[in-house]
N, C-alpha and C. Protein backbone atom coordinates (compact mmCIF):
# COMPACT_ATOMS: atom_id res chain seq x y z
N MET A 1 5.30 3.75 -12.00
CA MET A 1 5.41 3.04 -10.74
C MET A 1 6.47 3.58 -9.88
N ASN A 2 7.43 4.20 -10.49
CA ASN A 2 8.63 4.66 -9.72
C ASN A 2 8.25 5.62 -8.52
N LYS A 3 7.19 6.55 -8.68
CA LYS A 3 6.81 7.47 -7.60
C LYS A 3 6.21 6.62 -6.57
N PHE A 4 5.42 5.66 -6.94
CA PHE A 4 4.72 4.81 -5.96
C PHE A 4 5.70 4.05 -5.11
N LEU A 5 6.86 3.59 -5.75
CA LEU A 5 7.69 2.79 -4.93
C LEU A 5 8.87 3.54 -4.20
N ALA A 6 9.03 4.87 -4.53
CA ALA A 6 10.09 5.66 -3.89
C ALA A 6 10.06 5.52 -2.43
N LYS A 7 11.30 5.66 -1.74
CA LYS A 7 11.31 5.63 -0.29
C LYS A 7 11.87 7.12 0.09
N ASN A 8 11.60 7.46 1.23
CA ASN A 8 12.11 8.72 1.73
C ASN A 8 13.02 8.48 2.93
N SER A 9 13.57 9.45 3.43
CA SER A 9 14.55 9.21 4.66
C SER A 9 13.65 9.27 6.04
N GLY A 10 12.45 9.48 6.05
CA GLY A 10 11.65 9.55 7.24
C GLY A 10 11.36 8.07 7.73
N ASN A 11 10.61 7.99 8.84
CA ASN A 11 10.23 6.76 9.48
C ASN A 11 9.44 5.95 8.43
N LYS A 12 8.53 6.61 7.68
CA LYS A 12 7.58 5.78 6.84
C LYS A 12 8.13 5.97 5.51
N SER A 13 8.11 4.87 4.67
CA SER A 13 8.45 4.91 3.26
C SER A 13 7.28 5.60 2.48
N THR A 14 7.70 6.03 1.30
CA THR A 14 6.69 6.55 0.44
C THR A 14 5.68 5.47 0.16
N ILE A 15 6.13 4.18 0.08
CA ILE A 15 5.21 3.10 -0.25
C ILE A 15 4.06 3.06 0.80
N SER A 16 4.52 3.14 2.03
CA SER A 16 3.53 3.18 3.24
C SER A 16 2.59 4.23 3.06
N LYS A 17 3.01 5.48 2.86
CA LYS A 17 2.00 6.55 2.69
C LYS A 17 1.24 6.42 1.37
N ASN A 18 1.74 5.97 0.44
CA ASN A 18 0.96 5.71 -0.83
C ASN A 18 -0.08 4.72 -0.77
N ILE A 19 0.28 3.64 0.01
CA ILE A 19 -0.87 2.65 0.12
C ILE A 19 -2.06 3.19 0.84
N ARG A 20 -1.82 3.94 1.89
CA ARG A 20 -2.90 4.66 2.64
C ARG A 20 -3.61 5.62 1.82
N LYS A 21 -2.79 6.38 1.05
CA LYS A 21 -3.38 7.35 0.18
C LYS A 21 -4.34 6.88 -0.87
N ILE A 22 -3.89 5.80 -1.53
CA ILE A 22 -4.72 5.27 -2.74
C ILE A 22 -6.01 4.66 -2.06
N ARG A 23 -5.83 4.01 -0.97
CA ARG A 23 -6.89 3.26 -0.30
C ARG A 23 -7.95 4.30 0.21
N THR A 24 -7.54 5.30 0.82
CA THR A 24 -8.49 6.40 1.18
C THR A 24 -9.07 7.24 0.17
N ILE A 25 -8.32 7.56 -0.92
CA ILE A 25 -8.85 8.19 -2.05
C ILE A 25 -9.99 7.35 -2.66
N LYS A 26 -9.72 6.08 -2.64
CA LYS A 26 -10.78 5.20 -3.35
C LYS A 26 -11.98 4.79 -2.33
N GLY A 27 -11.84 5.32 -1.08
CA GLY A 27 -12.84 5.10 -0.11
C GLY A 27 -13.00 3.72 0.28
N ILE A 28 -11.91 2.99 0.46
CA ILE A 28 -11.87 1.67 0.75
C ILE A 28 -11.36 1.33 2.16
N SER A 29 -11.96 0.57 2.84
CA SER A 29 -11.51 0.11 4.34
C SER A 29 -10.43 -0.62 4.16
N GLN A 30 -9.51 -0.72 5.28
CA GLN A 30 -8.39 -1.63 5.35
C GLN A 30 -8.81 -3.05 5.18
N THR A 31 -9.93 -3.42 5.57
CA THR A 31 -10.37 -4.69 5.57
C THR A 31 -10.76 -5.19 4.19
N VAL A 32 -11.52 -4.35 3.49
CA VAL A 32 -11.84 -4.59 2.05
C VAL A 32 -10.60 -4.50 1.15
N PHE A 33 -9.78 -3.69 1.32
CA PHE A 33 -8.51 -3.55 0.55
C PHE A 33 -7.73 -4.74 0.78
N ALA A 34 -7.68 -5.23 1.99
CA ALA A 34 -6.85 -6.40 2.29
C ALA A 34 -7.43 -7.67 1.56
N GLU A 35 -8.79 -7.79 1.58
CA GLU A 35 -9.41 -8.94 1.12
C GLU A 35 -9.31 -8.92 -0.47
N ASP A 36 -9.23 -7.65 -1.05
CA ASP A 36 -9.15 -7.68 -2.52
C ASP A 36 -7.77 -8.21 -2.95
N PHE A 37 -6.86 -8.24 -2.08
CA PHE A 37 -5.38 -8.82 -2.32
C PHE A 37 -5.11 -10.01 -1.59
N GLY A 38 -6.16 -10.68 -1.02
CA GLY A 38 -5.91 -11.93 -0.30
C GLY A 38 -5.07 -11.77 0.90
N LEU A 39 -5.19 -10.61 1.57
CA LEU A 39 -4.46 -10.40 2.86
C LEU A 39 -5.44 -10.10 3.97
N ASN A 40 -4.88 -9.85 5.18
CA ASN A 40 -5.78 -9.65 6.20
C ASN A 40 -5.64 -8.09 6.59
N ARG A 41 -6.44 -7.48 7.35
CA ARG A 41 -6.44 -6.05 7.71
C ARG A 41 -5.19 -5.71 8.49
N ALA A 42 -4.74 -6.59 9.36
CA ALA A 42 -3.42 -6.44 10.06
C ALA A 42 -2.24 -6.14 9.13
N ASN A 43 -2.16 -6.97 8.07
CA ASN A 43 -1.12 -6.75 7.02
C ASN A 43 -1.12 -5.33 6.53
N ILE A 44 -2.38 -4.83 6.07
CA ILE A 44 -2.49 -3.41 5.51
C ILE A 44 -1.98 -2.42 6.55
N SER A 45 -2.52 -2.53 7.72
CA SER A 45 -2.31 -1.65 8.93
C SER A 45 -0.70 -1.50 9.07
N SER A 46 -0.04 -2.70 9.11
CA SER A 46 1.39 -2.66 9.24
C SER A 46 2.22 -2.01 8.13
N TYR A 47 1.69 -2.24 6.95
CA TYR A 47 2.36 -1.55 5.76
C TYR A 47 2.16 -0.02 5.91
N GLU A 48 0.79 0.37 6.30
CA GLU A 48 0.51 1.78 6.29
C GLU A 48 1.22 2.53 7.37
N GLU A 49 1.45 1.85 8.44
CA GLU A 49 2.27 2.39 9.61
C GLU A 49 3.78 2.32 9.51
N GLY A 50 4.15 1.69 8.46
CA GLY A 50 5.69 1.55 8.24
C GLY A 50 6.18 0.48 9.17
N ARG A 51 5.45 -0.38 9.86
CA ARG A 51 6.03 -1.46 10.67
C ARG A 51 6.46 -2.56 9.93
N ALA A 52 6.01 -2.73 8.67
CA ALA A 52 6.41 -3.79 7.74
C ALA A 52 6.52 -3.21 6.31
N GLU A 53 7.32 -3.85 5.58
CA GLU A 53 7.42 -3.48 4.09
C GLU A 53 6.70 -4.47 3.35
N PRO A 54 5.79 -4.04 2.42
CA PRO A 54 5.11 -5.09 1.49
C PRO A 54 5.99 -5.68 0.50
N LYS A 55 5.79 -6.85 0.11
CA LYS A 55 6.67 -7.58 -0.93
C LYS A 55 6.33 -6.85 -2.21
N MET A 56 7.34 -6.85 -3.14
CA MET A 56 7.17 -6.23 -4.38
C MET A 56 6.01 -6.69 -5.19
N ASP A 57 5.65 -7.97 -5.08
CA ASP A 57 4.70 -8.42 -5.95
C ASP A 57 3.32 -7.82 -5.48
N PHE A 58 3.08 -7.55 -4.12
CA PHE A 58 1.98 -6.85 -3.70
C PHE A 58 1.90 -5.38 -4.24
N VAL A 59 3.06 -4.73 -4.17
CA VAL A 59 3.08 -3.37 -4.60
C VAL A 59 2.87 -3.31 -6.19
N ILE A 60 3.12 -4.16 -6.89
CA ILE A 60 2.91 -4.33 -8.42
C ILE A 60 1.42 -4.68 -8.52
N LYS A 61 0.82 -5.41 -7.73
CA LYS A 61 -0.63 -5.70 -7.86
C LYS A 61 -1.43 -4.44 -7.57
N ILE A 62 -0.99 -3.69 -6.55
CA ILE A 62 -1.84 -2.33 -6.21
C ILE A 62 -1.62 -1.45 -7.50
N ALA A 63 -0.39 -1.31 -7.93
CA ALA A 63 -0.28 -0.52 -9.12
C ALA A 63 -1.06 -0.77 -10.29
N ASN A 64 -1.02 -2.12 -10.55
CA ASN A 64 -1.78 -2.54 -11.73
C ASN A 64 -3.36 -2.36 -11.49
N LYS A 65 -3.80 -2.73 -10.24
CA LYS A 65 -5.31 -2.72 -10.03
C LYS A 65 -5.74 -1.22 -10.21
N PHE A 66 -4.92 -0.24 -9.73
CA PHE A 66 -5.35 1.20 -9.71
C PHE A 66 -4.78 1.99 -10.85
N GLY A 67 -4.07 1.38 -11.73
CA GLY A 67 -3.50 2.13 -12.87
C GLY A 67 -2.50 3.10 -12.51
N LEU A 68 -1.59 2.80 -11.55
CA LEU A 68 -0.59 3.76 -11.11
C LEU A 68 0.75 3.59 -11.92
N ASP A 69 1.44 4.57 -11.99
CA ASP A 69 2.87 4.46 -12.63
C ASP A 69 3.79 4.95 -11.78
């Protein structure tokens, strides 16, 4: 999960980029992805755009659901 959690020095964290990457690879819309985790689409959009940082428990849930390390 370290690669999933890593941050870079750019505007968007690696977490933000990886949330979008895993969602698009799996072919899941922001709305469906959000519903799977009990959130709304605006939350996912904010995370992917780097406007907000997700809580660690959410990141762990993503990692567990998709088998990420």
